[in-house]
């Protein structure tokens, strides 16, 4: 696996953990329930805030999570190339 891909995956996981902590960090639930709680909170916010149907709320929430993961992967891989040099292995 290339170094840039590894850094991108690490950045994606850190970005996902950051979103989970941002959305569910202050809840009274145990940490192992935070991902579910964060996703449901995001769905609720989208449905209530934009007035969408519940199904569309789930779709939009999945798209938001996907965009964050892709953006974090891209940032991590580019940061690896910038900081550690371009390594085309």
C-alpha atoms as a PDB file:
ATOM      1  CA  UNK A   1       0.000   0.000   0.000  1.00  0.00           C
ATOM      2  CA  UNK A   2       1.332   3.378  -0.869  1.00  0.00           C
ATOM      3  CA  UNK A   3       2.192   5.784   1.893  1.00  0.00           C
ATOM      4  CA  UNK A   4      -0.224   8.410   0.571  1.00  0.00           C
ATOM      5  CA  UNK A   5      -3.079   5.906   0.675  1.00  0.00           C
ATOM      6  CA  UNK A   6      -2.234   4.941   4.236  1.00  0.00           C
ATOM      7  CA  UNK A   7      -2.151   8.596   5.308  1.00  0.00           C
ATOM      8  CA  UNK A   8      -5.451   9.179   3.502  1.00  0.00           C
ATOM      9  CA  UNK A   9      -7.117   6.298   5.317  1.00  0.00           C
ATOM     10  CA  UNK A  10      -5.775   7.537   8.642  1.00  0.00           C
ATOM     11  CA  UNK A  11      -7.058  11.049   7.919  1.00  0.00           C
ATOM     12  CA  UNK A  12     -10.471   9.618   6.971  1.00  0.00           C
ATOM     13  CA  UNK A  13     -10.708   7.704  10.225  1.00  0.00           C
ATOM     14  CA  UNK A  14      -9.673  10.777  12.186  1.00  0.00           C
ATOM     15  CA  UNK A  15     -12.253  12.858  10.324  1.00  0.00           C
ATOM     16  CA  UNK A  16     -14.967  10.312  11.046  1.00  0.00           C
ATOM     17  CA  UNK A  17     -13.973  10.192  14.711  1.00  0.00           C
ATOM     18  CA  UNK A  18     -14.068  14.002  14.791  1.00  0.00           C
ATOM     19  CA  UNK A  19     -17.586  14.114  13.375  1.00  0.00           C
ATOM     20  CA  UNK A  20     -18.740  11.488  15.839  1.00  0.00           C
ATOM     21  CA  UNK A  21     -17.196  13.385  18.734  1.00  0.00           C
ATOM     22  CA  UNK A  22     -18.672  16.676  17.492  1.00  0.00           C
ATOM     23  CA  UNK A  23     -22.179  15.292  17.165  1.00  0.00           C
ATOM     24  CA  UNK A  24     -22.313  12.934  20.161  1.00  0.00           C
ATOM     25  CA  UNK A  25     -19.563  14.112  22.496  1.00  0.00           C
ATOM     26  CA  UNK A  26     -21.834  15.667  25.067  1.00  0.00           C
ATOM     27  CA  UNK A  27     -24.397  12.899  25.201  1.00  0.00           C
ATOM     28  CA  UNK A  28     -25.025  10.688  28.184  1.00  0.00           C
ATOM     29  CA  UNK A  29     -24.601   7.510  26.115  1.00  0.00           C
ATOM     30  CA  UNK A  30     -21.539   5.260  26.450  1.00  0.00           C
ATOM     31  CA  UNK A  31     -18.770   5.765  23.905  1.00  0.00           C
ATOM     32  CA  UNK A  32     -19.579   2.585  21.966  1.00  0.00           C
ATOM     33  CA  UNK A  33     -23.033   4.010  21.156  1.00  0.00           C
ATOM     34  CA  UNK A  34     -21.695   7.361  19.926  1.00  0.00           C
ATOM     35  CA  UNK A  35     -21.524   6.457  16.189  1.00  0.00           C
ATOM     36  CA  UNK A  36     -25.184   5.459  16.109  1.00  0.00           C
ATOM     37  CA  UNK A  37     -26.211   8.469  18.182  1.00  0.00           C
ATOM     38  CA  UNK A  38     -24.190  10.836  15.977  1.00  0.00           C
ATOM     39  CA  UNK A  39     -25.740   9.465  12.803  1.00  0.00           C
ATOM     40  CA  UNK A  40     -29.263   9.657  14.190  1.00  0.00           C
ATOM     41  CA  UNK A  41     -28.596  13.200  15.385  1.00  0.00           C
ATOM     42  CA  UNK A  42     -27.407  14.177  11.924  1.00  0.00           C
ATOM     43  CA  UNK A  43     -30.501  12.627  10.354  1.00  0.00           C
ATOM     44  CA  UNK A  44     -32.741  14.469  12.815  1.00  0.00           C
ATOM     45  CA  UNK A  45     -30.987  17.762  12.113  1.00  0.00           C
ATOM     46  CA  UNK A  46     -31.329  17.369   8.361  1.00  0.00           C
ATOM     47  CA  UNK A  47     -34.978  16.294   8.528  1.00  0.00           C
ATOM     48  CA  UNK A  48     -36.029  18.957  11.001  1.00  0.00           C
ATOM     49  CA  UNK A  49     -33.820  21.727   9.641  1.00  0.00           C
ATOM     50  CA  UNK A  50     -34.594  21.334   5.954  1.00  0.00           C
ATOM     51  CA  UNK A  51     -38.054  19.813   6.220  1.00  0.00           C
ATOM     52  CA  UNK A  52     -37.141  16.709   4.235  1.00  0.00           C
ATOM     53  CA  UNK A  53     -38.757  13.317   4.514  1.00  0.00           C
ATOM     54  CA  UNK A  54     -37.119  10.743   6.771  1.00  0.00           C
ATOM     55  CA  UNK A  55     -35.840   8.665   3.836  1.00  0.00           C
ATOM     56  CA  UNK A  56     -34.295  11.724   2.226  1.00  0.00           C
ATOM     57  CA  UNK A  57     -32.806  12.648   5.599  1.00  0.00           C
ATOM     58  CA  UNK A  58     -30.987   9.312   5.721  1.00  0.00           C
ATOM     59  CA  UNK A  59     -29.774   9.723   2.138  1.00  0.00           C
ATOM     60  CA  UNK A  60     -28.518  13.263   2.718  1.00  0.00           C
ATOM     61  CA  UNK A  61     -26.834  12.239   5.977  1.00  0.00           C
ATOM     62  CA  UNK A  62     -25.032   9.383   4.226  1.00  0.00           C
ATOM     63  CA  UNK A  63     -23.931  11.803   1.510  1.00  0.00           C
ATOM     64  CA  UNK A  64     -22.625  14.252   4.115  1.00  0.00           C
ATOM     65  CA  UNK A  65     -20.620  11.498   5.831  1.00  0.00           C
ATOM     66  CA  UNK A  66     -19.305  10.291   2.456  1.00  0.00           C
ATOM     67  CA  UNK A  67     -18.199  13.779   1.454  1.00  0.00           C
ATOM     68  CA  UNK A  68     -16.365  14.247   4.745  1.00  0.00           C
ATOM     69  CA  UNK A  69     -14.595  10.897   4.383  1.00  0.00           C
ATOM     70  CA  UNK A  70     -13.579  11.618   0.788  1.00  0.00           C
ATOM     71  CA  UNK A  71     -12.393  15.126   1.653  1.00  0.00           C
ATOM     72  CA  UNK A  72     -10.347  13.871   4.618  1.00  0.00           C
ATOM     73  CA  UNK A  73      -8.829  11.117   2.473  1.00  0.00           C
ATOM     74  CA  UNK A  74      -7.853  13.637  -0.176  1.00  0.00           C
ATOM     75  CA  UNK A  75      -6.369  16.032   2.376  1.00  0.00           C
ATOM     76  CA  UNK A  76      -4.429  13.233   4.091  1.00  0.00           C
ATOM     77  CA  UNK A  77      -2.952  11.874   0.886  1.00  0.00           C
ATOM     78  CA  UNK A  78      -1.975  15.314  -0.398  1.00  0.00           C
ATOM     79  CA  UNK A  79      -0.503  16.217   2.983  1.00  0.00           C
ATOM     80  CA  UNK A  80       1.592  13.058   2.860  1.00  0.00           C
ATOM     81  CA  UNK A  81       2.947  14.037  -0.540  1.00  0.00           C
ATOM     82  CA  UNK A  82       3.711  17.574   0.609  1.00  0.00           C
ATOM     83  CA  UNK A  83       5.302  16.752   3.951  1.00  0.00           C
ATOM     84  CA  UNK A  84       7.143  13.538   3.126  1.00  0.00           C
ATOM     85  CA  UNK A  85       7.854  14.031  -0.552  1.00  0.00           C
ATOM     86  CA  UNK A  86       6.286  12.422  -3.583  1.00  0.00           C
ATOM     87  CA  UNK A  87       6.945   8.687  -3.335  1.00  0.00           C
ATOM     88  CA  UNK A  88       5.671   6.754  -6.356  1.00  0.00           C
ATOM     89  CA  UNK A  89       6.117   3.214  -5.059  1.00  0.00           C
END
